[in-house]
Amino acid sequence: INILSDSIQILNEDQTRLNTESIHCQNTLDHLTQDVSTVKISMQEQNAFLDGTIVNHEILQQDIQSMGQKVLDMNTNTNNGIFIWKISNVQTRMGM
């Protein structure tokens, strides 16, 4: 009878220990699930930021190309520093 009683006590202690470990594992799983959710949200935010950065980069590239073209256009219109003057009413100004 003592052996049976000791075995039952050991089984009860094992059950208590296993219940405690199970609760600990469940708590750990809950925390890890929350952490995974937080990481997913963070990744989504980072992806949205990167998408915005890519769009901004493309816009800046277009602006740079546009400015480069404007500079080229300005350089082709300068006549190498030669100014052309338009003088109206030349005869009147010369007193003729």
C-alpha atoms as a PDB file:
ATOM      1  CA  ILE A   1       0.000   0.000   0.000  1.00  0.00           C
ATOM      2  CA  ASN A   2       2.889   2.362   0.738  1.00  0.00           C
ATOM      3  CA  ILE A   3       4.311   1.780  -2.717  1.00  0.00           C
ATOM      4  CA  LEU A   4       0.958   2.572  -4.303  1.00  0.00           C
ATOM      5  CA  SER A   5       0.557   5.661  -2.138  1.00  0.00           C
ATOM      6  CA  ASP A   6       4.080   6.851  -2.993  1.00  0.00           C
ATOM      7  CA  SER A   7       3.426   6.283  -6.694  1.00  0.00           C
ATOM      8  CA  ILE A   8       0.193   8.285  -6.539  1.00  0.00           C
ATOM      9  CA  GLN A   9       1.990  11.113  -4.755  1.00  0.00           C
ATOM     10  CA  ILE A  10       4.761  11.114  -7.376  1.00  0.00           C
ATOM     11  CA  LEU A  11       2.153  11.154 -10.149  1.00  0.00           C
ATOM     12  CA  ASN A  12       0.363  14.070  -8.495  1.00  0.00           C
ATOM     13  CA  GLU A  13       3.637  15.987  -8.178  1.00  0.00           C
ATOM     14  CA  ASP A  14       4.437  15.255 -11.826  1.00  0.00           C
ATOM     15  CA  GLN A  15       0.987  16.455 -12.840  1.00  0.00           C
ATOM     16  CA  THR A  16       1.453  19.685 -10.878  1.00  0.00           C
ATOM     17  CA  ARG A  17       4.903  20.218 -12.409  1.00  0.00           C
ATOM     18  CA  LEU A  18       3.588  19.526 -15.921  1.00  0.00           C
ATOM     19  CA  ASN A  19       0.675  21.920 -15.386  1.00  0.00           C
ATOM     20  CA  THR A  20       3.095  24.626 -14.259  1.00  0.00           C
ATOM     21  CA  GLU A  21       5.341  24.006 -17.271  1.00  0.00           C
ATOM     22  CA  SER A  22       2.315  24.042 -19.567  1.00  0.00           C
ATOM     23  CA  ILE A  23       1.194  27.417 -18.184  1.00  0.00           C
ATOM     24  CA  HIS A  24       4.737  28.743 -18.608  1.00  0.00           C
ATOM     25  CA  CYS A  25       4.854  27.491 -22.219  1.00  0.00           C
ATOM     26  CA  GLN A  26       1.445  29.030 -22.945  1.00  0.00           C
ATOM     27  CA  ASN A  27       2.580  32.391 -21.531  1.00  0.00           C
ATOM     28  CA  THR A  28       5.755  32.225 -23.595  1.00  0.00           C
ATOM     29  CA  LEU A  29       3.735  31.394 -26.704  1.00  0.00           C
ATOM     30  CA  ASP A  30       1.399  34.344 -26.051  1.00  0.00           C
ATOM     31  CA  HIS A  31       4.361  36.726 -25.721  1.00  0.00           C
ATOM     32  CA  LEU A  32       5.976  35.354 -28.866  1.00  0.00           C
ATOM     33  CA  THR A  33       2.710  35.729 -30.773  1.00  0.00           C
ATOM     34  CA  GLN A  34       2.525  39.376 -29.693  1.00  0.00           C
ATOM     35  CA  ASP A  35       6.153  39.876 -30.715  1.00  0.00           C
ATOM     36  CA  VAL A  36       5.469  38.382 -34.154  1.00  0.00           C
ATOM     37  CA  SER A  37       2.502  40.727 -34.590  1.00  0.00           C
ATOM     38  CA  THR A  38       4.658  43.697 -33.601  1.00  0.00           C
ATOM     39  CA  VAL A  39       7.382  42.651 -36.039  1.00  0.00           C
ATOM     40  CA  LYS A  40       4.819  42.252 -38.851  1.00  0.00           C
ATOM     41  CA  ILE A  41       3.466  45.755 -38.221  1.00  0.00           C
ATOM     42  CA  SER A  42       6.994  47.145 -38.123  1.00  0.00           C
ATOM     43  CA  MET A  43       7.833  45.447 -41.418  1.00  0.00           C
ATOM     44  CA  GLN A  44       4.677  46.847 -43.026  1.00  0.00           C
ATOM     45  CA  GLU A  45       5.606  50.344 -41.847  1.00  0.00           C
ATOM     46  CA  GLN A  46       9.142  49.946 -43.175  1.00  0.00           C
ATOM     47  CA  ASN A  47       7.844  48.694 -46.517  1.00  0.00           C
ATOM     48  CA  ALA A  48       5.480  51.665 -46.762  1.00  0.00           C
ATOM     49  CA  PHE A  49       8.384  54.011 -45.955  1.00  0.00           C
ATOM     50  CA  LEU A  50      10.578  52.354 -48.577  1.00  0.00           C
ATOM     51  CA  ASP A  51       7.796  52.573 -51.161  1.00  0.00           C
ATOM     52  CA  GLY A  52       7.491  56.295 -50.428  1.00  0.00           C
ATOM     53  CA  THR A  53      11.249  56.691 -50.672  1.00  0.00           C
ATOM     54  CA  ILE A  54      11.285  54.967 -54.063  1.00  0.00           C
ATOM     55  CA  VAL A  55       8.555  57.284 -55.347  1.00  0.00           C
ATOM     56  CA  ASN A  56      10.428  60.335 -54.015  1.00  0.00           C
ATOM     57  CA  HIS A  57      13.627  59.084 -55.648  1.00  0.00           C
ATOM     58  CA  GLU A  58      11.885  58.722 -59.010  1.00  0.00           C
ATOM     59  CA  ILE A  59      10.426  62.230 -58.723  1.00  0.00           C
ATOM     60  CA  LEU A  60      13.848  63.648 -57.861  1.00  0.00           C
ATOM     61  CA  GLN A  61      15.389  61.820 -60.824  1.00  0.00           C
ATOM     62  CA  GLN A  62      12.787  63.387 -63.119  1.00  0.00           C
ATOM     63  CA  ASP A  63      13.447  66.828 -61.609  1.00  0.00           C
ATOM     64  CA  ILE A  64      17.197  66.413 -62.118  1.00  0.00           C
ATOM     65  CA  GLN A  65      16.695  65.385 -65.733  1.00  0.00           C
ATOM     66  CA  SER A  66      14.368  68.331 -66.280  1.00  0.00           C
ATOM     67  CA  MET A  67      16.864  70.770 -64.752  1.00  0.00           C
ATOM     68  CA  GLY A  68      19.664  69.283 -66.834  1.00  0.00           C
ATOM     69  CA  GLN A  69      17.612  69.793 -69.977  1.00  0.00           C
ATOM     70  CA  LYS A  70      16.844  73.386 -68.953  1.00  0.00           C
ATOM     71  CA  VAL A  71      20.564  74.058 -68.451  1.00  0.00           C
ATOM     72  CA  LEU A  72      21.315  72.602 -71.884  1.00  0.00           C
ATOM     73  CA  ASP A  73      18.565  74.723 -73.413  1.00  0.00           C
ATOM     74  CA  MET A  74      19.932  77.841 -71.718  1.00  0.00           C
ATOM     75  CA  ASN A  75      23.448  77.113 -72.968  1.00  0.00           C
ATOM     76  CA  THR A  76      22.304  76.740 -76.558  1.00  0.00           C
ATOM     77  CA  ASN A  77      20.454  80.072 -76.444  1.00  0.00           C
ATOM     78  CA  THR A  78      23.286  82.280 -75.117  1.00  0.00           C
ATOM     79  CA  ASN A  79      25.019  83.090 -78.445  1.00  0.00           C
ATOM     80  CA  ASN A  80      28.433  82.702 -76.801  1.00  0.00           C
ATOM     81  CA  GLY A  81      28.162  85.964 -74.853  1.00  0.00           C
ATOM     82  CA  ILE A  82      27.246  88.095 -77.863  1.00  0.00           C
ATOM     83  CA  PHE A  83      24.300  90.400 -77.268  1.00  0.00           C
ATOM     84  CA  ILE A  84      22.049  91.552 -80.069  1.00  0.00           C
ATOM     85  CA  TRP A  85      20.619  95.027 -79.630  1.00  0.00           C
ATOM     86  CA  LYS A  86      17.504  96.243 -81.325  1.00  0.00           C
ATOM     87  CA  ILE A  87      17.513  99.956 -81.903  1.00  0.00           C
ATOM     88  CA  SER A  88      14.259 101.379 -83.136  1.00  0.00           C
ATOM     89  CA  ASN A  89      13.818 104.737 -84.879  1.00  0.00           C
ATOM     90  CA  VAL A  90      17.477 104.945 -85.931  1.00  0.00           C
ATOM     91  CA  GLN A  91      16.873 107.831 -88.353  1.00  0.00           C
ATOM     92  CA  THR A  92      15.115 109.889 -85.698  1.00  0.00           C
ATOM     93  CA  ARG A  93      17.812 109.294 -83.131  1.00  0.00           C
ATOM     94  CA  MET A  94      20.578 110.231 -85.550  1.00  0.00           C
ATOM     95  CA  GLY A  95      18.777 113.430 -86.395  1.00  0.00           C
ATOM     96  CA  MET A  96      17.998 112.668 -89.960  1.00  0.00           C
END
